[in-house]
Each structure stands twice: as C-alpha cells, then as structure tokens.
Amino acid sequence: NKGLVHVELHDGYVHIASCIDNLVKG
C-alpha cells in the first residue's frame, strides 16, 4: 500500500516521479 515519490529540479522545471500498486494503494 506504499506510494513513493522522487523530486528533481532541471532547467527551470520540477519533476516528480511517483509509483504505486494500482490494485492496492490505487
């Protein structure tokens, strides 16, 4: 039931990666 996020900053943009299990946390 976890969700993980990871943030990066690049050339004026903030990027966030996000992942979950679609059947559990989703």
mmCIF file of all heavy atoms, coordinates in Angstrom:
data_MODEL
# 
_entry.id   MODEL 
# 
loop_
_atom_site.group_PDB 
_atom_site.id 
_atom_site.type_symbol 
_atom_site.label_atom_id 
_atom_site.label_alt_id 
_atom_site.label_comp_id 
_atom_site.label_asym_id 
_atom_site.label_entity_id 
_atom_site.label_seq_id 
_atom_site.pdbx_PDB_ins_code 
_atom_site.Cartn_x 
_atom_site.Cartn_y 
_atom_site.Cartn_z 
_atom_site.occupancy 
_atom_site.B_iso_or_equiv 
_atom_site.pdbx_formal_charge 
_atom_site.auth_seq_id 
_atom_site.auth_comp_id 
_atom_site.auth_asym_id 
_atom_site.auth_atom_id 
_atom_site.pdbx_PDB_model_num 
ATOM 1   N N   . ASN A 1 1  ? 0.824  -1.206 0.000   1.00 0.00 ? 1  ASN A N   1 
ATOM 2   C CA  . ASN A 1 1  ? 0.000  0.000  0.000   1.00 0.00 ? 1  ASN A CA  1 
ATOM 3   C C   . ASN A 1 1  ? 0.858  1.256  0.000   1.00 0.00 ? 1  ASN A C   1 
ATOM 4   O O   . ASN A 1 1  ? 0.377  2.339  0.296   1.00 0.00 ? 1  ASN A O   1 
ATOM 5   C CB  . ASN A 1 1  ? -0.921 0.002  1.229   1.00 0.00 ? 1  ASN A CB  1 
ATOM 6   C CG  . ASN A 1 1  ? -2.109 0.935  1.064   1.00 0.00 ? 1  ASN A CG  1 
ATOM 7   O OD1 . ASN A 1 1  ? -2.836 0.873  0.073   1.00 0.00 ? 1  ASN A OD1 1 
ATOM 8   N ND2 . ASN A 1 1  ? -2.313 1.824  2.027   1.00 0.00 ? 1  ASN A ND2 1 
ATOM 9   N N   . LYS A 1 2  ? 2.121  1.110  -0.367  1.00 0.00 ? 2  LYS A N   1 
ATOM 10  C CA  . LYS A 1 2  ? 3.029  2.248  -0.364  1.00 0.00 ? 2  LYS A CA  1 
ATOM 11  C C   . LYS A 1 2  ? 2.903  3.089  -1.628  1.00 0.00 ? 2  LYS A C   1 
ATOM 12  O O   . LYS A 1 2  ? 2.551  2.596  -2.698  1.00 0.00 ? 2  LYS A O   1 
ATOM 13  C CB  . LYS A 1 2  ? 4.486  1.782  -0.241  1.00 0.00 ? 2  LYS A CB  1 
ATOM 14  C CG  . LYS A 1 2  ? 4.875  1.323  1.138   1.00 0.00 ? 2  LYS A CG  1 
ATOM 15  C CD  . LYS A 1 2  ? 6.372  1.230  1.305   1.00 0.00 ? 2  LYS A CD  1 
ATOM 16  C CE  . LYS A 1 2  ? 6.988  0.151  0.455   1.00 0.00 ? 2  LYS A CE  1 
ATOM 17  N NZ  . LYS A 1 2  ? 8.425  -0.049 0.747   1.00 0.00 ? 2  LYS A NZ  1 
ATOM 18  N N   . GLY A 1 3  ? 3.263  4.372  -1.483  1.00 0.00 ? 3  GLY A N   1 
ATOM 19  C CA  . GLY A 1 3  ? 3.497  5.247  -2.620  1.00 0.00 ? 3  GLY A CA  1 
ATOM 20  C C   . GLY A 1 3  ? 4.862  5.871  -2.438  1.00 0.00 ? 3  GLY A C   1 
ATOM 21  O O   . GLY A 1 3  ? 5.211  6.322  -1.331  1.00 0.00 ? 3  GLY A O   1 
ATOM 22  N N   . LEU A 1 4  ? 5.658  5.879  -3.486  1.00 0.00 ? 4  LEU A N   1 
ATOM 23  C CA  . LEU A 1 4  ? 6.972  6.518  -3.440  1.00 0.00 ? 4  LEU A CA  1 
ATOM 24  C C   . LEU A 1 4  ? 6.995  7.694  -4.400  1.00 0.00 ? 4  LEU A C   1 
ATOM 25  O O   . LEU A 1 4  ? 6.421  7.630  -5.496  1.00 0.00 ? 4  LEU A O   1 
ATOM 26  C CB  . LEU A 1 4  ? 8.075  5.527  -3.821  1.00 0.00 ? 4  LEU A CB  1 
ATOM 27  C CG  . LEU A 1 4  ? 8.304  4.342  -2.891  1.00 0.00 ? 4  LEU A CG  1 
ATOM 28  C CD1 . LEU A 1 4  ? 9.473  3.497  -3.408  1.00 0.00 ? 4  LEU A CD1 1 
ATOM 29  C CD2 . LEU A 1 4  ? 8.571  4.792  -1.465  1.00 0.00 ? 4  LEU A CD2 1 
ATOM 30  N N   . VAL A 1 5  ? 7.656  8.780  -3.988  1.00 0.00 ? 5  VAL A N   1 
ATOM 31  C CA  . VAL A 1 5  ? 7.849  9.943  -4.858  1.00 0.00 ? 5  VAL A CA  1 
ATOM 32  C C   . VAL A 1 5  ? 9.317  10.350 -4.816  1.00 0.00 ? 5  VAL A C   1 
ATOM 33  O O   . VAL A 1 5  ? 10.001 10.150 -3.813  1.00 0.00 ? 5  VAL A O   1 
ATOM 34  C CB  . VAL A 1 5  ? 6.954  11.136 -4.433  1.00 0.00 ? 5  VAL A CB  1 
ATOM 35  C CG1 . VAL A 1 5  ? 5.486  10.821 -4.655  1.00 0.00 ? 5  VAL A CG1 1 
ATOM 36  C CG2 . VAL A 1 5  ? 7.193  11.521 -2.981  1.00 0.00 ? 5  VAL A CG2 1 
ATOM 37  N N   . HIS A 1 6  ? 9.770  10.899 -5.921  1.00 0.00 ? 6  HIS A N   1 
ATOM 38  C CA  . HIS A 1 6  ? 11.161 11.351 -6.040  1.00 0.00 ? 6  HIS A CA  1 
ATOM 39  C C   . HIS A 1 6  ? 11.169 12.654 -6.823  1.00 0.00 ? 6  HIS A C   1 
ATOM 40  O O   . HIS A 1 6  ? 10.590 12.728 -7.912  1.00 0.00 ? 6  HIS A O   1 
ATOM 41  C CB  . HIS A 1 6  ? 12.014 10.296 -6.749  1.00 0.00 ? 6  HIS A CB  1 
ATOM 42  C CG  . HIS A 1 6  ? 13.392 10.776 -7.095  1.00 0.00 ? 6  HIS A CG  1 
ATOM 43  N ND1 . HIS A 1 6  ? 14.359 11.009 -6.139  1.00 0.00 ? 6  HIS A ND1 1 
ATOM 44  C CD2 . HIS A 1 6  ? 13.954 11.070 -8.297  1.00 0.00 ? 6  HIS A CD2 1 
ATOM 45  C CE1 . HIS A 1 6  ? 15.472 11.431 -6.736  1.00 0.00 ? 6  HIS A CE1 1 
ATOM 46  N NE2 . HIS A 1 6  ? 15.254 11.477 -8.044  1.00 0.00 ? 6  HIS A NE2 1 
ATOM 47  N N   . VAL A 1 7  ? 11.810 13.680 -6.271  1.00 0.00 ? 7  VAL A N   1 
ATOM 48  C CA  . VAL A 1 7  ? 11.783 15.028 -6.852  1.00 0.00 ? 7  VAL A CA  1 
ATOM 49  C C   . VAL A 1 7  ? 13.150 15.376 -7.436  1.00 0.00 ? 7  VAL A C   1 
ATOM 50  O O   . VAL A 1 7  ? 14.195 15.114 -6.824  1.00 0.00 ? 7  VAL A O   1 
ATOM 51  C CB  . VAL A 1 7  ? 11.396 16.077 -5.789  1.00 0.00 ? 7  VAL A CB  1 
ATOM 52  C CG1 . VAL A 1 7  ? 11.296 17.459 -6.411  1.00 0.00 ? 7  VAL A CG1 1 
ATOM 53  C CG2 . VAL A 1 7  ? 10.087 15.702 -5.120  1.00 0.00 ? 7  VAL A CG2 1 
ATOM 54  N N   . GLU A 1 8  ? 13.138 15.990 -8.617  1.00 0.00 ? 8  GLU A N   1 
ATOM 55  C CA  . GLU A 1 8  ? 14.346 16.535 -9.236  1.00 0.00 ? 8  GLU A CA  1 
ATOM 56  C C   . GLU A 1 8  ? 14.033 17.926 -9.793  1.00 0.00 ? 8  GLU A C   1 
ATOM 57  O O   . GLU A 1 8  ? 12.873 18.234 -10.104 1.00 0.00 ? 8  GLU A O   1 
ATOM 58  C CB  . GLU A 1 8  ? 14.843 15.635 -10.372 1.00 0.00 ? 8  GLU A CB  1 
ATOM 59  C CG  . GLU A 1 8  ? 15.407 14.302 -9.924  1.00 0.00 ? 8  GLU A CG  1 
ATOM 60  C CD  . GLU A 1 8  ? 16.752 14.408 -9.219  1.00 0.00 ? 8  GLU A CD  1 
ATOM 61  O OE1 . GLU A 1 8  ? 17.325 15.531 -9.207  1.00 0.00 ? 8  GLU A OE1 1 
ATOM 62  O OE2 . GLU A 1 8  ? 17.217 13.393 -8.694  1.00 0.00 ? 8  GLU A OE2 1 
ATOM 63  N N   . LEU A 1 9  ? 15.051 18.743 -9.922  1.00 0.00 ? 9  LEU A N   1 
ATOM 64  C CA  . LEU A 1 9  ? 14.928 20.080 -10.498 1.00 0.00 ? 9  LEU A CA  1 
ATOM 65  C C   . LEU A 1 9  ? 15.867 20.157 -11.691 1.00 0.00 ? 9  LEU A C   1 
ATOM 66  O O   . LEU A 1 9  ? 17.046 19.772 -11.595 1.00 0.00 ? 9  LEU A O   1 
ATOM 67  C CB  . LEU A 1 9  ? 15.318 21.130 -9.442  1.00 0.00 ? 9  LEU A CB  1 
ATOM 68  C CG  . LEU A 1 9  ? 14.803 22.554 -9.604  1.00 0.00 ? 9  LEU A CG  1 
ATOM 69  C CD1 . LEU A 1 9  ? 13.286 22.597 -9.614  1.00 0.00 ? 9  LEU A CD1 1 
ATOM 70  C CD2 . LEU A 1 9  ? 15.347 23.435 -8.468  1.00 0.00 ? 9  LEU A CD2 1 
ATOM 71  N N   . HIS A 1 10 ? 15.331 20.613 -12.837 1.00 0.00 ? 10 HIS A N   1 
ATOM 72  C CA  . HIS A 1 10 ? 16.166 20.653 -14.039 1.00 0.00 ? 10 HIS A CA  1 
ATOM 73  C C   . HIS A 1 10 ? 15.724 21.777 -14.955 1.00 0.00 ? 10 HIS A C   1 
ATOM 74  O O   . HIS A 1 10 ? 14.577 21.808 -15.422 1.00 0.00 ? 10 HIS A O   1 
ATOM 75  C CB  . HIS A 1 10 ? 16.090 19.316 -14.790 1.00 0.00 ? 10 HIS A CB  1 
ATOM 76  C CG  . HIS A 1 10 ? 16.937 19.278 -16.026 1.00 0.00 ? 10 HIS A CG  1 
ATOM 77  N ND1 . HIS A 1 10 ? 18.320 19.170 -15.986 1.00 0.00 ? 10 HIS A ND1 1 
ATOM 78  C CD2 . HIS A 1 10 ? 16.595 19.351 -17.331 1.00 0.00 ? 10 HIS A CD2 1 
ATOM 79  C CE1 . HIS A 1 10 ? 18.782 19.178 -17.223 1.00 0.00 ? 10 HIS A CE1 1 
ATOM 80  N NE2 . HIS A 1 10 ? 17.760 19.286 -18.062 1.00 0.00 ? 10 HIS A NE2 1 
ATOM 81  N N   . ASP A 1 11 ? 16.624 22.709 -15.197 1.00 0.00 ? 11 ASP A N   1 
ATOM 82  C CA  . ASP A 1 11 ? 16.431 23.737 -16.220 1.00 0.00 ? 11 ASP A CA  1 
ATOM 83  C C   . ASP A 1 11 ? 15.080 24.449 -16.091 1.00 0.00 ? 11 ASP A C   1 
ATOM 84  O O   . ASP A 1 11 ? 14.360 24.639 -17.077 1.00 0.00 ? 11 ASP A O   1 
ATOM 85  C CB  . ASP A 1 11 ? 16.570 23.106 -17.610 1.00 0.00 ? 11 ASP A CB  1 
ATOM 86  C CG  . ASP A 1 11 ? 16.829 24.159 -18.698 1.00 0.00 ? 11 ASP A CG  1 
ATOM 87  O OD1 . ASP A 1 11 ? 17.300 25.260 -18.351 1.00 0.00 ? 11 ASP A OD1 1 
ATOM 88  O OD2 . ASP A 1 11 ? 16.547 23.870 -19.876 1.00 0.00 ? 11 ASP A OD2 1 
ATOM 89  N N   . GLY A 1 12 ? 14.742 24.827 -14.863 1.00 0.00 ? 12 GLY A N   1 
ATOM 90  C CA  . GLY A 1 12 ? 13.518 25.587 -14.645 1.00 0.00 ? 12 GLY A CA  1 
ATOM 91  C C   . GLY A 1 12 ? 12.264 24.763 -14.456 1.00 0.00 ? 12 GLY A C   1 
ATOM 92  O O   . GLY A 1 12 ? 11.167 25.330 -14.350 1.00 0.00 ? 12 GLY A O   1 
ATOM 93  N N   . TYR A 1 13 ? 12.399 23.445 -14.412 1.00 0.00 ? 13 TYR A N   1 
ATOM 94  C CA  . TYR A 1 13 ? 11.240 22.574 -14.207 1.00 0.00 ? 13 TYR A CA  1 
ATOM 95  C C   . TYR A 1 13 ? 11.465 21.697 -12.974 1.00 0.00 ? 13 TYR A C   1 
ATOM 96  O O   . TYR A 1 13 ? 12.588 21.264 -12.701 1.00 0.00 ? 13 TYR A O   1 
ATOM 97  C CB  . TYR A 1 13 ? 10.994 21.669 -15.423 1.00 0.00 ? 13 TYR A CB  1 
ATOM 98  C CG  . TYR A 1 13 ? 10.446 22.425 -16.614 1.00 0.00 ? 13 TYR A CG  1 
ATOM 99  C CD1 . TYR A 1 13 ? 11.308 22.978 -17.560 1.00 0.00 ? 13 TYR A CD1 1 
ATOM 100 C CD2 . TYR A 1 13 ? 9.071  22.583 -16.784 1.00 0.00 ? 13 TYR A CD2 1 
ATOM 101 C CE1 . TYR A 1 13 ? 10.816 23.679 -18.652 1.00 0.00 ? 13 TYR A CE1 1 
ATOM 102 C CE2 . TYR A 1 13 ? 8.569  23.279 -17.870 1.00 0.00 ? 13 TYR A CE2 1 
ATOM 103 C CZ  . TYR A 1 13 ? 9.439  23.826 -18.790 1.00 0.00 ? 13 TYR A CZ  1 
ATOM 104 O OH  . TYR A 1 13 ? 8.942  24.522 -19.858 1.00 0.00 ? 13 TYR A OH  1 
ATOM 105 N N   . VAL A 1 14 ? 10.382 21.447 -12.253 1.00 0.00 ? 14 VAL A N   1 
ATOM 106 C CA  . VAL A 1 14 ? 10.413 20.478 -11.166 1.00 0.00 ? 14 VAL A CA  1 
ATOM 107 C C   . VAL A 1 14 ? 9.750  19.203 -11.671 1.00 0.00 ? 14 VAL A C   1 
ATOM 108 O O   . VAL A 1 14 ? 8.659  19.238 -12.243 1.00 0.00 ? 14 VAL A O   1 
ATOM 109 C CB  . VAL A 1 14 ? 9.722  21.014 -9.892  1.00 0.00 ? 14 VAL A CB  1 
ATOM 110 C CG1 . VAL A 1 14 ? 8.284  21.435 -10.129 1.00 0.00 ? 14 VAL A CG1 1 
ATOM 111 C CG2 . VAL A 1 14 ? 9.809  19.987 -8.766  1.00 0.00 ? 14 VAL A CG2 1 
ATOM 112 N N   . HIS A 1 15 ? 10.458 18.092 -11.505 1.00 0.00 ? 15 HIS A N   1 
ATOM 113 C CA  . HIS A 1 15 ? 9.977  16.801 -11.976 1.00 0.00 ? 15 HIS A CA  1 
ATOM 114 C C   . HIS A 1 15 ? 9.750  15.890 -10.777 1.00 0.00 ? 15 HIS A C   1 
ATOM 115 O O   . HIS A 1 15 ? 10.601 15.803 -9.888  1.00 0.00 ? 15 HIS A O   1 
ATOM 116 C CB  . HIS A 1 15 ? 10.985 16.151 -12.928 1.00 0.00 ? 15 HIS A CB  1 
ATOM 117 C CG  . HIS A 1 15 ? 10.544 14.790 -13.403 1.00 0.00 ? 15 HIS A CG  1 
ATOM 118 N ND1 . HIS A 1 15 ? 10.808 13.633 -12.700 1.00 0.00 ? 15 HIS A ND1 1 
ATOM 119 C CD2 . HIS A 1 15 ? 9.841  14.411 -14.504 1.00 0.00 ? 15 HIS A CD2 1 
ATOM 120 C CE1 . HIS A 1 15 ? 10.292 12.600 -13.347 1.00 0.00 ? 15 HIS A CE1 1 
ATOM 121 N NE2 . HIS A 1 15 ? 9.703  13.045 -14.442 1.00 0.00 ? 15 HIS A NE2 1 
ATOM 122 N N   . ILE A 1 16 ? 8.603  15.218 -10.762 1.00 0.00 ? 16 ILE A N   1 
ATOM 123 C CA  . ILE A 1 16 ? 8.289  14.287 -9.689  1.00 0.00 ? 16 ILE A CA  1 
ATOM 124 C C   . ILE A 1 16 ? 7.961  12.930 -10.297 1.00 0.00 ? 16 ILE A C   1 
ATOM 125 O O   . ILE A 1 16 ? 7.069  12.817 -11.139 1.00 0.00 ? 16 ILE A O   1 
ATOM 126 C CB  . ILE A 1 16 ? 7.093  14.759 -8.829  1.00 0.00 ? 16 ILE A CB  1 
ATOM 127 C CG1 . ILE A 1 16 ? 7.269  16.205 -8.392  1.00 0.00 ? 16 ILE A CG1 1 
ATOM 128 C CG2 . ILE A 1 16 ? 6.929  13.846 -7.613  1.00 0.00 ? 16 ILE A CG2 1 
ATOM 129 C CD1 . ILE A 1 16 ? 6.536  17.213 -9.257  1.00 0.00 ? 16 ILE A CD1 1 
ATOM 130 N N   . ALA A 1 17 ? 8.694  11.913 -9.884  1.00 0.00 ? 17 ALA A N   1 
ATOM 131 C CA  . ALA A 1 17 ? 8.353  10.543 -10.219 1.00 0.00 ? 17 ALA A CA  1 
ATOM 132 C C   . ALA A 1 17 ? 7.497  9.987  -9.089  1.00 0.00 ? 17 ALA A C   1 
ATOM 133 O O   . ALA A 1 17 ? 7.755  10.259 -7.910  1.00 0.00 ? 17 ALA A O   1 
ATOM 134 C CB  . ALA A 1 17 ? 9.604  9.701  -10.409 1.00 0.00 ? 17 ALA A CB  1 
ATOM 135 N N   . SER A 1 18 ? 6.476  9.222  -9.438  1.00 0.00 ? 18 SER A N   1 
ATOM 136 C CA  . SER A 1 18 ? 5.558  8.664  -8.449  1.00 0.00 ? 18 SER A CA  1 
ATOM 137 C C   . SER A 1 18 ? 5.193  7.246  -8.861  1.00 0.00 ? 18 SER A C   1 
ATOM 138 O O   . SER A 1 18 ? 4.991  6.982  -10.050 1.00 0.00 ? 18 SER A O   1 
ATOM 139 C CB  . SER A 1 18 ? 4.289  9.529  -8.363  1.00 0.00 ? 18 SER A CB  1 
ATOM 140 O OG  . SER A 1 18 ? 3.290  8.918  -7.580  1.00 0.00 ? 18 SER A OG  1 
ATOM 141 N N   . CYS A 1 19 ? 5.127  6.326  -7.890  1.00 0.00 ? 19 CYS A N   1 
ATOM 142 C CA  . CYS A 1 19 ? 4.726  4.966  -8.237  1.00 0.00 ? 19 CYS A CA  1 
ATOM 143 C C   . CYS A 1 19 ? 3.909  4.343  -7.114  1.00 0.00 ? 19 CYS A C   1 
ATOM 144 O O   . CYS A 1 19 ? 4.126  4.614  -5.931  1.00 0.00 ? 19 CYS A O   1 
ATOM 145 C CB  . CYS A 1 19 ? 5.922  4.088  -8.588  1.00 0.00 ? 19 CYS A CB  1 
ATOM 146 S SG  . CYS A 1 19 ? 7.186  3.953  -7.318  1.00 0.00 ? 19 CYS A SG  1 
ATOM 147 N N   . ILE A 1 20 ? 2.919  3.537  -7.520  1.00 0.00 ? 20 ILE A N   1 
ATOM 148 C CA  . ILE A 1 20 ? 2.057  2.802  -6.601  1.00 0.00 ? 20 ILE A CA  1 
ATOM 149 C C   . ILE A 1 20 ? 1.708  1.464  -7.239  1.00 0.00 ? 20 ILE A C   1 
ATOM 150 O O   . ILE A 1 20 ? 1.945  1.244  -8.426  1.00 0.00 ? 20 ILE A O   1 
ATOM 151 C CB  . ILE A 1 20 ? 0.736  3.564  -6.297  1.00 0.00 ? 20 ILE A CB  1 
ATOM 152 C CG1 . ILE A 1 20 ? -0.092 3.739  -7.578  1.00 0.00 ? 20 ILE A CG1 1 
ATOM 153 C CG2 . ILE A 1 20 ? 1.000  4.891  -5.613  1.00 0.00 ? 20 ILE A CG2 1 
ATOM 154 C CD1 . ILE A 1 20 ? -1.518 4.245  -7.347  1.00 0.00 ? 20 ILE A CD1 1 
ATOM 155 N N   . ASP A 1 21 ? 1.122  0.568  -6.434  1.00 0.00 ? 21 ASP A N   1 
ATOM 156 C CA  . ASP A 1 21 ? 0.453  -0.611 -6.969  1.00 0.00 ? 21 ASP A CA  1 
ATOM 157 C C   . ASP A 1 21 ? -0.986 -0.205 -7.276  1.00 0.00 ? 21 ASP A C   1 
ATOM 158 O O   . ASP A 1 21 ? -1.720 0.225  -6.388  1.00 0.00 ? 21 ASP A O   1 
ATOM 159 C CB  . ASP A 1 21 ? 0.490  -1.741 -5.932  1.00 0.00 ? 21 ASP A CB  1 
ATOM 160 C CG  . ASP A 1 21 ? -0.069 -3.051 -6.466  1.00 0.00 ? 21 ASP A CG  1 
ATOM 161 O OD1 . ASP A 1 21 ? -1.186 -3.028 -7.037  1.00 0.00 ? 21 ASP A OD1 1 
ATOM 162 O OD2 . ASP A 1 21 ? 0.571  -4.097 -6.298  1.00 0.00 ? 21 ASP A OD2 1 
ATOM 163 N N   . ASN A 1 22 ? -1.405 -0.348 -8.523  1.00 0.00 ? 22 ASN A N   1 
ATOM 164 C CA  . ASN A 1 22 ? -2.747 0.131  -8.910  1.00 0.00 ? 22 ASN A CA  1 
ATOM 165 C C   . ASN A 1 22 ? -3.875 -0.611 -8.207  1.00 0.00 ? 22 ASN A C   1 
ATOM 166 O O   . ASN A 1 22 ? -4.953 -0.057 -7.989  1.00 0.00 ? 22 ASN A O   1 
ATOM 167 C CB  . ASN A 1 22 ? -2.938 0.028  -10.431 1.00 0.00 ? 22 ASN A CB  1 
ATOM 168 C CG  . ASN A 1 22 ? -2.813 -1.383 -10.956 1.00 0.00 ? 22 ASN A CG  1 
ATOM 169 O OD1 . ASN A 1 22 ? -1.740 -1.988 -10.867 1.00 0.00 ? 22 ASN A OD1 1 
ATOM 170 N ND2 . ASN A 1 22 ? -3.884 -1.926 -11.506 1.00 0.00 ? 22 ASN A ND2 1 
ATOM 171 N N   . LEU A 1 23 ? -3.659 -1.871 -7.813  1.00 0.00 ? 23 LEU A N   1 
ATOM 172 C CA  . LEU A 1 23 ? -4.708 -2.641 -7.160  1.00 0.00 ? 23 LEU A CA  1 
ATOM 173 C C   . LEU A 1 23 ? -4.713 -2.477 -5.644  1.00 0.00 ? 23 LEU A C   1 
ATOM 174 O O   . LEU A 1 23 ? -5.714 -2.780 -4.996  1.00 0.00 ? 23 LEU A O   1 
ATOM 175 C CB  . LEU A 1 23 ? -4.559 -4.134 -7.488  1.00 0.00 ? 23 LEU A CB  1 
ATOM 176 C CG  . LEU A 1 23 ? -4.824 -4.532 -8.937  1.00 0.00 ? 23 LEU A CG  1 
ATOM 177 C CD1 . LEU A 1 23 ? -4.614 -6.032 -9.114  1.00 0.00 ? 23 LEU A CD1 1 
ATOM 178 C CD2 . LEU A 1 23 ? -6.225 -4.142 -9.376  1.00 0.00 ? 23 LEU A CD2 1 
ATOM 179 N N   . VAL A 1 24 ? -3.616 -1.992 -5.066  1.00 0.00 ? 24 VAL A N   1 
ATOM 180 C CA  . VAL A 1 24 ? -3.535 -1.858 -3.615  1.00 0.00 ? 24 VAL A CA  1 
ATOM 181 C C   . VAL A 1 24 ? -3.679 -0.387 -3.241  1.00 0.00 ? 24 VAL A C   1 
ATOM 182 O O   . VAL A 1 24 ? -4.772 0.090  -2.963  1.00 0.00 ? 24 VAL A O   1 
ATOM 183 C CB  . VAL A 1 24 ? -2.245 -2.496 -3.052  1.00 0.00 ? 24 VAL A CB  1 
ATOM 184 C CG1 . VAL A 1 24 ? -2.284 -2.503 -1.524  1.00 0.00 ? 24 VAL A CG1 1 
ATOM 185 C CG2 . VAL A 1 24 ? -2.088 -3.925 -3.549  1.00 0.00 ? 24 VAL A CG2 1 
ATOM 186 N N   . LYS A 1 25 ? -2.600 0.378  -3.290  1.00 0.00 ? 25 LYS A N   1 
ATOM 187 C CA  . LYS A 1 25 ? -2.731 1.803  -2.965  1.00 0.00 ? 25 LYS A CA  1 
ATOM 188 C C   . LYS A 1 25 ? -3.679 2.504  -3.935  1.00 0.00 ? 25 LYS A C   1 
ATOM 189 O O   . LYS A 1 25 ? -4.360 3.474  -3.572  1.00 0.00 ? 25 LYS A O   1 
ATOM 190 C CB  . LYS A 1 25 ? -1.352 2.482  -2.987  1.00 0.00 ? 25 LYS A CB  1 
ATOM 191 C CG  . LYS A 1 25 ? -1.369 3.971  -2.621  1.00 0.00 ? 25 LYS A CG  1 
ATOM 192 C CD  . LYS A 1 25 ? -1.964 4.213  -1.242  1.00 0.00 ? 25 LYS A CD  1 
ATOM 193 C CE  . LYS A 1 25 ? -1.873 5.701  -0.874  1.00 0.00 ? 25 LYS A CE  1 
ATOM 194 N NZ  . LYS A 1 25 ? -2.667 6.013  0.340   1.00 0.00 ? 25 LYS A NZ  1 
ATOM 195 N N   . GLY A 1 26 ? -3.770 2.007  -5.164  1.00 0.00 ? 26 GLY A N   1 
ATOM 196 C CA  . GLY A 1 26 ? -4.671 2.610  -6.141  1.00 0.00 ? 26 GLY A CA  1 
ATOM 197 C C   . GLY A 1 26 ? -6.094 2.110  -6.078  1.00 0.00 ? 26 GLY A C   1 
ATOM 198 O O   . GLY A 1 26 ? -6.940 2.572  -6.836  1.00 0.00 ? 26 GLY A O   1 
# 
